[in-house]
Amino acid sequence: MKRSYQKKEKKELGQSLYEFAIVLPILIILIGFVVDIVRIVDTKLMIQSAAAESSLNIESRATMYHDVQDILENYYARIDSEMLDADLMATADQRHYYNFNSYSQNNSYVGTSQSFFSFFDATVDLKYELNMITPLAKLMLGDTFIVESKYTKMVYVGGFTW
């Protein structure tokens, strides 16, 4: 009786090892795919942050390129600058008209006046090519995945005349 029990244990041990040998590569491939997806999400958040921060740093049309370049240099520790494509666009100057109410020193209503301010829209469009590292991600998403973020900001030029 003891002999048959020991043989059964060895057979079951061999079966478990066989199942483990089949499941382990599949598990490793799936975990690697999840790692690539997390890298895509992390890169997307970083590129969005870089686009927003660089567009907020724009002060004028003349210094637009240098303002964006100064901010993007802060991100070069985490991204490869050769894989980053930055497009900068600026619209023509526009005016925004608005009405404001005038009051005297004793808070009595004096009247309504119209004024304006000038601005242009500055758009920062960042595209980053992220290389996939796992075979499953390369098969499903391609060798590189393009992560893109576009951010537009209204840049004040002048105005607020009375």
N, C-alpha and C. Protein backbone atom coordinates (compact mmCIF):
# COMPACT_ATOMS: atom_id res chain seq x y z
N MET A 1 0.82 -1.19 0.00
CA MET A 1 0.00 0.00 0.00
C MET A 1 0.86 1.25 0.00
N LYS A 2 1.95 1.24 0.77
CA LYS A 2 2.82 2.39 0.81
C LYS A 2 3.43 2.70 -0.55
N ARG A 3 3.80 1.70 -1.29
CA ARG A 3 4.45 1.89 -2.58
C ARG A 3 3.54 2.61 -3.58
N SER A 4 2.32 2.24 -3.66
CA SER A 4 1.40 2.87 -4.61
C SER A 4 1.16 4.33 -4.24
N TYR A 5 1.16 4.63 -2.96
CA TYR A 5 0.96 6.02 -2.52
C TYR A 5 2.16 6.88 -2.92
N GLN A 6 3.36 6.36 -2.77
CA GLN A 6 4.55 7.11 -3.14
C GLN A 6 4.64 7.32 -4.65
N LYS A 7 4.25 6.35 -5.42
CA LYS A 7 4.26 6.52 -6.87
C LYS A 7 3.25 7.60 -7.29
N LYS A 8 2.11 7.62 -6.64
CA LYS A 8 1.08 8.60 -6.97
C LYS A 8 1.60 10.02 -6.66
N GLU A 9 2.32 10.20 -5.55
CA GLU A 9 2.87 11.49 -5.20
C GLU A 9 3.86 11.98 -6.27
N LYS A 10 4.71 11.10 -6.75
CA LYS A 10 5.67 11.48 -7.78
C LYS A 10 4.96 11.87 -9.08
N LYS A 11 3.91 11.15 -9.44
CA LYS A 11 3.17 11.49 -10.65
C LYS A 11 2.51 12.86 -10.51
N GLU A 12 1.92 13.14 -9.34
CA GLU A 12 1.28 14.43 -9.13
C GLU A 12 2.31 15.56 -9.12
N LEU A 13 3.48 15.31 -8.56
CA LEU A 13 4.53 16.32 -8.56
C LEU A 13 4.97 16.62 -9.99
N GLY A 14 5.07 15.63 -10.81
CA GLY A 14 5.44 15.82 -12.21
C GLY A 14 4.37 16.59 -12.96
N GLN A 15 3.11 16.32 -12.64
CA GLN A 15 2.01 17.02 -13.30
C GLN A 15 2.00 18.50 -12.90
N SER A 16 2.24 18.80 -11.65
CA SER A 16 2.27 20.19 -11.18
C SER A 16 3.41 20.96 -11.84
N LEU A 17 4.56 20.31 -11.95
CA LEU A 17 5.70 20.94 -12.60
C LEU A 17 5.39 21.22 -14.08
N TYR A 18 4.73 20.29 -14.72
CA TYR A 18 4.35 20.46 -16.12
C TYR A 18 3.36 21.62 -16.28
N GLU A 19 2.35 21.71 -15.41
CA GLU A 19 1.39 22.81 -15.45
C GLU A 19 2.08 24.16 -15.20
N PHE A 20 2.99 24.17 -14.26
CA PHE A 20 3.72 25.40 -13.95
C PHE A 20 4.56 25.83 -15.14
N ALA A 21 5.19 24.88 -15.82
CA ALA A 21 6.03 25.18 -16.98
C ALA A 21 5.19 25.74 -18.14
N ILE A 22 3.94 25.36 -18.24
CA ILE A 22 3.07 25.89 -19.29
C ILE A 22 2.53 27.28 -18.91
N VAL A 23 2.15 27.47 -17.67
CA VAL A 23 1.50 28.71 -17.24
C VAL A 23 2.50 29.84 -17.04
N LEU A 24 3.71 29.57 -16.60
CA LEU A 24 4.69 30.62 -16.29
C LEU A 24 5.01 31.53 -17.49
N PRO A 25 5.31 31.02 -18.67
CA PRO A 25 5.59 31.94 -19.79
C PRO A 25 4.38 32.82 -20.14
N ILE A 26 3.20 32.26 -20.08
CA ILE A 26 2.00 33.05 -20.37
C ILE A 26 1.83 34.16 -19.34
N LEU A 27 2.07 33.83 -18.08
CA LEU A 27 1.97 34.82 -17.01
C LEU A 27 3.02 35.92 -17.17
N ILE A 28 4.23 35.55 -17.54
CA ILE A 28 5.29 36.54 -17.75
C ILE A 28 4.95 37.47 -18.92
N ILE A 29 4.41 36.93 -19.99
CA ILE A 29 4.03 37.74 -21.14
C ILE A 29 2.92 38.73 -20.77
N LEU A 30 1.92 38.26 -20.03
CA LEU A 30 0.83 39.15 -19.62
C LEU A 30 1.31 40.24 -18.67
N ILE A 31 2.18 39.91 -17.75
CA ILE A 31 2.72 40.92 -16.83
C ILE A 31 3.56 41.94 -17.60
N GLY A 32 4.33 41.48 -18.57
CA GLY A 32 5.10 42.40 -19.41
C GLY A 32 4.21 43.34 -20.20
N PHE A 33 3.07 42.84 -20.71
CA PHE A 33 2.12 43.68 -21.43
C PHE A 33 1.55 44.76 -20.51
N VAL A 34 1.24 44.38 -19.28
CA VAL A 34 0.74 45.36 -18.30
C VAL A 34 1.80 46.42 -18.03
N VAL A 35 3.06 46.01 -17.96
CA VAL A 35 4.16 46.97 -17.75
C VAL A 35 4.20 47.99 -18.89
N ASP A 36 4.05 47.54 -20.14
CA ASP A 36 4.05 48.47 -21.28
C ASP A 36 2.84 49.40 -21.22
N ILE A 37 1.69 48.91 -20.83
CA ILE A 37 0.50 49.76 -20.71
C ILE A 37 0.72 50.83 -19.63
N VAL A 38 1.32 50.45 -18.52
CA VAL A 38 1.62 51.42 -17.46
C VAL A 38 2.62 52.45 -17.96
N ARG A 39 3.60 52.03 -18.74
CA ARG A 39 4.56 52.99 -19.32
C ARG A 39 3.86 53.99 -20.24
N ILE A 40 2.88 53.52 -21.02
CA ILE A 40 2.13 54.41 -21.91
C ILE A 40 1.36 55.44 -21.09
N VAL A 41 0.67 54.99 -20.06
CA VAL A 41 -0.11 55.90 -19.22
C VAL A 41 0.80 56.91 -18.52
N ASP A 42 1.92 56.45 -18.00
CA ASP A 42 2.86 57.35 -17.33
C ASP A 42 3.41 58.39 -18.30
N THR A 43 3.77 57.96 -19.51
CA THR A 43 4.28 58.88 -20.52
C THR A 43 3.21 59.88 -20.94
N LYS A 44 1.97 59.42 -21.07
CA LYS A 44 0.87 60.32 -21.44
C LYS A 44 0.71 61.41 -20.37
N LEU A 45 0.72 61.03 -19.11
CA LEU A 45 0.58 62.02 -18.03
C LEU A 45 1.76 63.00 -18.03
N MET A 46 2.95 62.49 -18.27
CA MET A 46 4.13 63.35 -18.27
C MET A 46 4.10 64.32 -19.46
N ILE A 47 3.70 63.84 -20.63
CA ILE A 47 3.63 64.70 -21.82
C ILE A 47 2.53 65.74 -21.64
N GLN A 48 1.40 65.37 -21.05
CA GLN A 48 0.34 66.35 -20.77
C GLN A 48 0.84 67.42 -19.81
N SER A 49 1.54 67.00 -18.79
CA SER A 49 2.09 67.95 -17.83
C SER A 49 3.10 68.89 -18.49
N ALA A 50 3.95 68.34 -19.33
CA ALA A 50 4.96 69.17 -20.02
C ALA A 50 4.29 70.16 -20.98
N ALA A 51 3.25 69.73 -21.69
CA ALA A 51 2.56 70.62 -22.62
C ALA A 51 1.85 71.74 -21.86
N ALA A 52 1.18 71.39 -20.77
CA ALA A 52 0.47 72.41 -19.99
C ALA A 52 1.45 73.39 -19.35
N GLU A 53 2.49 72.88 -18.75
CA GLU A 53 3.46 73.75 -18.07
C GLU A 53 4.19 74.65 -19.07
N SER A 54 4.55 74.11 -20.22
CA SER A 54 5.27 74.93 -21.20
C SER A 54 4.36 75.98 -21.82
N SER A 55 3.08 75.66 -22.03
CA SER A 55 2.19 76.68 -22.59
C SER A 55 1.89 77.77 -21.57
N LEU A 56 1.87 77.44 -20.31
CA LEU A 56 1.65 78.45 -19.27
C LEU A 56 2.86 79.37 -19.12
N ASN A 57 4.01 78.93 -19.57
CA ASN A 57 5.24 79.72 -19.46
C ASN A 57 5.41 80.72 -20.62
N ILE A 58 4.58 80.60 -21.65
CA ILE A 58 4.71 81.48 -22.82
C ILE A 58 4.29 82.90 -22.44
N GLU A 59 5.18 83.85 -22.74
CA GLU A 59 4.90 85.24 -22.39
C GLU A 59 4.62 86.10 -23.61
N SER A 60 5.25 85.80 -24.74
CA SER A 60 5.00 86.58 -25.95
C SER A 60 5.29 85.70 -27.16
N ARG A 61 4.87 86.19 -28.31
CA ARG A 61 5.09 85.46 -29.55
C ARG A 61 6.59 85.38 -29.88
N ALA A 62 7.32 86.44 -29.55
CA ALA A 62 8.75 86.51 -29.88
C ALA A 62 9.58 85.50 -29.08
N THR A 63 9.22 85.26 -27.83
CA THR A 63 9.99 84.36 -26.97
C THR A 63 9.34 82.99 -26.81
N MET A 64 8.35 82.71 -27.62
CA MET A 64 7.55 81.48 -27.47
C MET A 64 8.42 80.23 -27.52
N TYR A 65 9.30 80.12 -28.51
CA TYR A 65 10.12 78.92 -28.67
C TYR A 65 11.03 78.72 -27.46
N HIS A 66 11.70 79.76 -27.01
CA HIS A 66 12.63 79.65 -25.88
C HIS A 66 11.89 79.38 -24.57
N ASP A 67 10.69 79.96 -24.40
CA ASP A 67 9.90 79.70 -23.19
C ASP A 67 9.54 78.23 -23.08
N VAL A 68 9.14 77.63 -24.20
CA VAL A 68 8.77 76.21 -24.20
C VAL A 68 10.01 75.34 -24.03
N GLN A 69 11.10 75.69 -24.70
CA GLN A 69 12.33 74.91 -24.62
C GLN A 69 12.87 74.87 -23.19
N ASP A 70 12.77 75.98 -22.47
CA ASP A 70 13.25 76.02 -21.08
C ASP A 70 12.50 75.03 -20.20
N ILE A 71 11.20 74.92 -20.39
CA ILE A 71 10.40 74.00 -19.59
C ILE A 71 10.67 72.55 -19.99
N LEU A 72 10.75 72.29 -21.29
CA LEU A 72 10.95 70.90 -21.74
C LEU A 72 12.28 70.34 -21.28
N GLU A 73 13.29 71.18 -21.10
CA GLU A 73 14.58 70.70 -20.61
C GLU A 73 14.46 70.08 -19.22
N ASN A 74 13.49 70.50 -18.44
CA ASN A 74 13.26 69.91 -17.12
C ASN A 74 12.79 68.46 -17.23
N TYR A 75 12.17 68.10 -18.34
CA TYR A 75 11.62 66.75 -18.52
C TYR A 75 12.59 65.81 -19.22
N TYR A 76 13.73 66.30 -19.69
CA TYR A 76 14.66 65.46 -20.44
C TYR A 76 15.30 64.36 -19.59
N ALA A 77 15.23 64.46 -18.29
CA ALA A 77 15.75 63.39 -17.44
C ALA A 77 14.89 62.13 -17.56
N ARG A 78 13.60 62.31 -17.87
CA ARG A 78 12.69 61.17 -17.94
C ARG A 78 12.33 60.75 -19.35
N ILE A 79 12.56 61.63 -20.33
CA ILE A 79 12.21 61.29 -21.70
C ILE A 79 13.42 61.52 -22.61
N ASP A 80 13.41 60.82 -23.72
CA ASP A 80 14.47 60.97 -24.71
C ASP A 80 14.11 62.15 -25.62
N SER A 81 14.93 63.18 -25.61
CA SER A 81 14.62 64.39 -26.37
C SER A 81 14.56 64.14 -27.87
N GLU A 82 15.25 63.11 -28.36
CA GLU A 82 15.23 62.81 -29.78
C GLU A 82 13.91 62.19 -30.22
N MET A 83 13.15 61.63 -29.28
CA MET A 83 11.87 61.01 -29.61
C MET A 83 10.71 62.00 -29.45
N LEU A 84 11.00 63.21 -29.00
CA LEU A 84 9.97 64.22 -28.74
C LEU A 84 9.88 65.18 -29.90
N ASP A 85 8.66 65.41 -30.37
CA ASP A 85 8.40 66.37 -31.44
C ASP A 85 7.47 67.44 -30.88
N ALA A 86 7.94 68.68 -30.88
CA ALA A 86 7.14 69.79 -30.34
C ALA A 86 6.76 70.73 -31.46
N ASP A 87 5.46 70.96 -31.61
CA ASP A 87 4.93 71.92 -32.58
C ASP A 87 4.32 73.09 -31.81
N LEU A 88 4.72 74.30 -32.18
CA LEU A 88 4.20 75.50 -31.54
C LEU A 88 3.42 76.30 -32.58
N MET A 89 2.22 76.74 -32.20
CA MET A 89 1.39 77.53 -33.10
C MET A 89 0.85 78.73 -32.35
N ALA A 90 0.71 79.84 -33.05
CA ALA A 90 0.15 81.04 -32.46
C ALA A 90 -0.84 81.65 -33.45
N THR A 91 -2.01 82.03 -32.96
CA THR A 91 -3.00 82.67 -33.82
C THR A 91 -2.69 84.15 -33.94
N ALA A 92 -3.39 84.81 -34.83
CA ALA A 92 -3.26 86.26 -34.95
C ALA A 92 -3.87 86.93 -33.71
N ASP A 93 -3.43 88.16 -33.46
CA ASP A 93 -3.98 88.88 -32.31
C ASP A 93 -5.49 89.05 -32.46
N GLN A 94 -6.17 88.89 -31.36
CA GLN A 94 -7.62 89.04 -31.32
C GLN A 94 -7.96 90.02 -30.20
N ARG A 95 -9.15 90.55 -30.26
CA ARG A 95 -9.62 91.44 -29.20
C ARG A 95 -10.85 90.84 -28.56
N HIS A 96 -10.91 90.99 -27.27
CA HIS A 96 -12.09 90.57 -26.51
C HIS A 96 -12.69 91.83 -25.89
N TYR A 97 -13.91 92.12 -26.26
CA TYR A 97 -14.59 93.30 -25.72
C TYR A 97 -15.42 92.91 -24.51
N TYR A 98 -15.48 93.80 -23.56
CA TYR A 98 -16.28 93.55 -22.37
C TYR A 98 -16.80 94.88 -21.85
N ASN A 99 -17.85 94.80 -21.07
CA ASN A 99 -18.44 95.98 -20.42
C ASN A 99 -18.11 95.95 -18.94
N PHE A 100 -17.88 97.12 -18.38
CA PHE A 100 -17.68 97.19 -16.94
C PHE A 100 -18.46 98.38 -16.40
N ASN A 101 -18.87 98.24 -15.19
CA ASN A 101 -19.64 99.28 -14.52
C ASN A 101 -18.71 100.16 -13.72
N SER A 102 -18.96 101.49 -13.77
CA SER A 102 -18.14 102.45 -13.04
C SER A 102 -18.93 102.95 -11.83
N TYR A 103 -18.22 103.07 -10.74
CA TYR A 103 -18.83 103.58 -9.51
C TYR A 103 -17.97 104.71 -8.97
N SER A 104 -18.61 105.66 -8.33
CA SER A 104 -17.86 106.76 -7.71
C SER A 104 -17.38 106.32 -6.34
N GLN A 105 -16.72 107.24 -5.62
CA GLN A 105 -16.16 106.89 -4.32
C GLN A 105 -17.25 106.57 -3.29
N ASN A 106 -18.42 107.13 -3.45
CA ASN A 106 -19.49 106.84 -2.48
C ASN A 106 -20.37 105.69 -2.96
N ASN A 107 -19.86 104.87 -3.87
CA ASN A 107 -20.52 103.68 -4.40
C ASN A 107 -21.80 103.97 -5.16
N SER A 108 -21.93 105.14 -5.72
CA SER A 108 -23.09 105.40 -6.57
C SER A 108 -22.71 105.07 -8.01
N TYR A 109 -23.66 104.52 -8.73
CA TYR A 109 -23.43 104.06 -10.09
C TYR A 109 -23.21 105.25 -11.02
N VAL A 110 -22.12 105.22 -11.80
CA VAL A 110 -21.80 106.31 -12.71
C VAL A 110 -22.22 105.94 -14.14
N GLY A 111 -21.92 104.73 -14.57
CA GLY A 111 -22.28 104.32 -15.93
C GLY A 111 -21.54 103.07 -16.34
N THR A 112 -21.84 102.62 -17.55
CA THR A 112 -21.22 101.43 -18.11
C THR A 112 -20.30 101.85 -19.24
N SER A 113 -19.11 101.31 -19.26
CA SER A 113 -18.13 101.60 -20.30
C SER A 113 -17.74 100.31 -20.99
N GLN A 114 -17.28 100.47 -22.22
CA GLN A 114 -16.80 99.29 -22.94
C GLN A 114 -15.29 99.38 -23.07
N SER A 115 -14.64 98.25 -22.92
CA SER A 115 -13.19 98.19 -23.07
C SER A 115 -12.82 96.88 -23.75
N PHE A 116 -11.55 96.66 -23.92
CA PHE A 116 -11.10 95.42 -24.58
C PHE A 116 -9.70 95.08 -24.09
N PHE A 117 -9.31 93.85 -24.37
CA PHE A 117 -7.92 93.45 -24.22
C PHE A 117 -7.56 92.60 -25.42
N SER A 118 -6.29 92.61 -25.78
CA SER A 118 -5.79 91.85 -26.93
C SER A 118 -5.08 90.59 -26.44
N PHE A 119 -5.18 89.54 -27.23
CA PHE A 119 -4.56 88.27 -26.87
C PHE A 119 -4.30 87.46 -28.14
N PHE A 120 -3.51 86.43 -28.00
CA PHE A 120 -3.39 85.42 -29.05
C PHE A 120 -3.41 84.05 -28.38
N ASP A 121 -3.85 83.06 -29.12
CA ASP A 121 -3.88 81.70 -28.61
C ASP A 121 -2.58 80.99 -28.98
N ALA A 122 -1.88 80.51 -27.97
CA ALA A 122 -0.64 79.75 -28.17
C ALA A 122 -0.94 78.28 -27.94
N THR A 123 -0.59 77.45 -28.91
CA THR A 123 -0.84 76.02 -28.80
C THR A 123 0.48 75.27 -28.79
N VAL A 124 0.64 74.40 -27.81
CA VAL A 124 1.81 73.53 -27.72
C VAL A 124 1.32 72.11 -27.99
N ASP A 125 1.85 71.48 -29.03
CA ASP A 125 1.47 70.13 -29.41
C ASP A 125 2.71 69.24 -29.29
N LEU A 126 2.69 68.33 -28.32
CA LEU A 126 3.84 67.44 -28.10
C LEU A 126 3.49 66.03 -28.55
N LYS A 127 4.40 65.42 -29.30
CA LYS A 127 4.25 64.03 -29.72
C LYS A 127 5.52 63.30 -29.29
N TYR A 128 5.33 62.14 -28.68
CA TYR A 128 6.46 61.36 -28.18
C TYR A 128 6.31 59.92 -28.66
N GLU A 129 7.38 59.40 -29.24
CA GLU A 129 7.40 58.00 -29.68
C GLU A 129 7.94 57.13 -28.56
N LEU A 130 7.09 56.28 -28.04
CA LEU A 130 7.48 55.38 -26.95
C LEU A 130 7.72 53.99 -27.53
N ASN A 131 8.94 53.46 -27.34
CA ASN A 131 9.27 52.12 -27.83
C ASN A 131 8.69 51.07 -26.90
N MET A 132 8.02 50.08 -27.48
CA MET A 132 7.47 48.98 -26.70
C MET A 132 8.60 48.00 -26.37
N ILE A 133 8.52 47.36 -25.21
CA ILE A 133 9.61 46.48 -24.80
C ILE A 133 9.23 45.01 -24.80
N THR A 134 7.94 44.70 -24.79
CA THR A 134 7.55 43.28 -24.75
C THR A 134 7.01 42.84 -26.11
N PRO A 135 7.18 41.58 -26.44
CA PRO A 135 6.72 41.07 -27.74
C PRO A 135 5.20 41.20 -27.92
N LEU A 136 4.42 40.98 -26.87
CA LEU A 136 2.97 41.07 -26.99
C LEU A 136 2.54 42.50 -27.29
N ALA A 137 3.16 43.47 -26.62
CA ALA A 137 2.84 44.87 -26.88
C ALA A 137 3.26 45.26 -28.29
N LYS A 138 4.41 44.77 -28.75
CA LYS A 138 4.85 45.05 -30.12
C LYS A 138 3.88 44.45 -31.13
N LEU A 139 3.35 43.28 -30.82
CA LEU A 139 2.42 42.62 -31.72
C LEU A 139 1.08 43.37 -31.76
N MET A 140 0.61 43.81 -30.62
CA MET A 140 -0.71 44.45 -30.56
C MET A 140 -0.67 45.96 -30.84
N LEU A 141 0.39 46.65 -30.43
CA LEU A 141 0.44 48.11 -30.53
C LEU A 141 1.46 48.61 -31.54
N GLY A 142 2.32 47.74 -32.02
CA GLY A 142 3.39 48.15 -32.94
C GLY A 142 4.69 48.35 -32.18
N ASP A 143 5.77 48.57 -32.92
CA ASP A 143 7.08 48.75 -32.30
C ASP A 143 7.14 50.03 -31.47
N THR A 144 6.48 51.08 -31.96
CA THR A 144 6.43 52.34 -31.22
C THR A 144 4.98 52.77 -31.07
N PHE A 145 4.72 53.47 -30.01
CA PHE A 145 3.39 53.99 -29.72
C PHE A 145 3.51 55.50 -29.60
N ILE A 146 2.70 56.25 -30.36
CA ILE A 146 2.76 57.71 -30.34
C ILE A 146 1.86 58.23 -29.22
N VAL A 147 2.47 58.96 -28.31
CA VAL A 147 1.74 59.61 -27.22
C VAL A 147 1.68 61.09 -27.56
N GLU A 148 0.48 61.65 -27.59
CA GLU A 148 0.32 63.04 -28.03
C GLU A 148 -0.49 63.83 -27.01
N SER A 149 -0.11 65.08 -26.85
CA SER A 149 -0.85 65.99 -25.99
C SER A 149 -0.81 67.39 -26.59
N LYS A 150 -1.95 68.03 -26.62
CA LYS A 150 -2.06 69.38 -27.18
C LYS A 150 -2.68 70.27 -26.11
N TYR A 151 -2.10 71.43 -25.93
CA TYR A 151 -2.58 72.37 -24.91
C TYR A 151 -2.57 73.77 -25.50
N THR A 152 -3.68 74.49 -25.34
CA THR A 152 -3.82 75.85 -25.86
C THR A 152 -4.05 76.82 -24.72
N LYS A 153 -3.39 77.95 -24.80
CA LYS A 153 -3.51 78.97 -23.75
C LYS A 153 -3.68 80.33 -24.40
N MET A 154 -4.51 81.15 -23.79
CA MET A 154 -4.69 82.52 -24.25
C MET A 154 -3.59 83.37 -23.61
N VAL A 155 -2.78 84.05 -24.45
CA VAL A 155 -1.66 84.85 -23.97
C VAL A 155 -2.05 86.32 -24.12
N TYR A 156 -2.00 87.02 -23.02
CA TYR A 156 -2.36 88.44 -22.98
C TYR A 156 -1.31 89.27 -23.72
N VAL A 157 -1.77 90.16 -24.61
CA VAL A 157 -0.87 91.03 -25.35
C VAL A 157 -0.94 92.47 -24.83
N GLY A 158 -2.12 92.96 -24.60
CA GLY A 158 -2.28 94.33 -24.11
C GLY A 158 -3.75 94.67 -24.02
N GLY A 159 -4.03 95.85 -23.54
CA GLY A 159 -5.41 96.28 -23.49
C GLY A 159 -5.82 96.78 -22.14
N PHE A 160 -7.03 96.48 -21.81
CA PHE A 160 -7.68 96.99 -20.58
C PHE A 160 -7.67 98.50 -20.59
N THR A 161 -8.07 99.08 -21.72
CA THR A 161 -8.14 100.53 -21.81
C THR A 161 -9.44 101.03 -21.21
N TRP A 162 -9.43 102.23 -20.73
CA TRP A 162 -10.64 102.80 -20.12
C TRP A 162 -11.30 103.74 -21.04
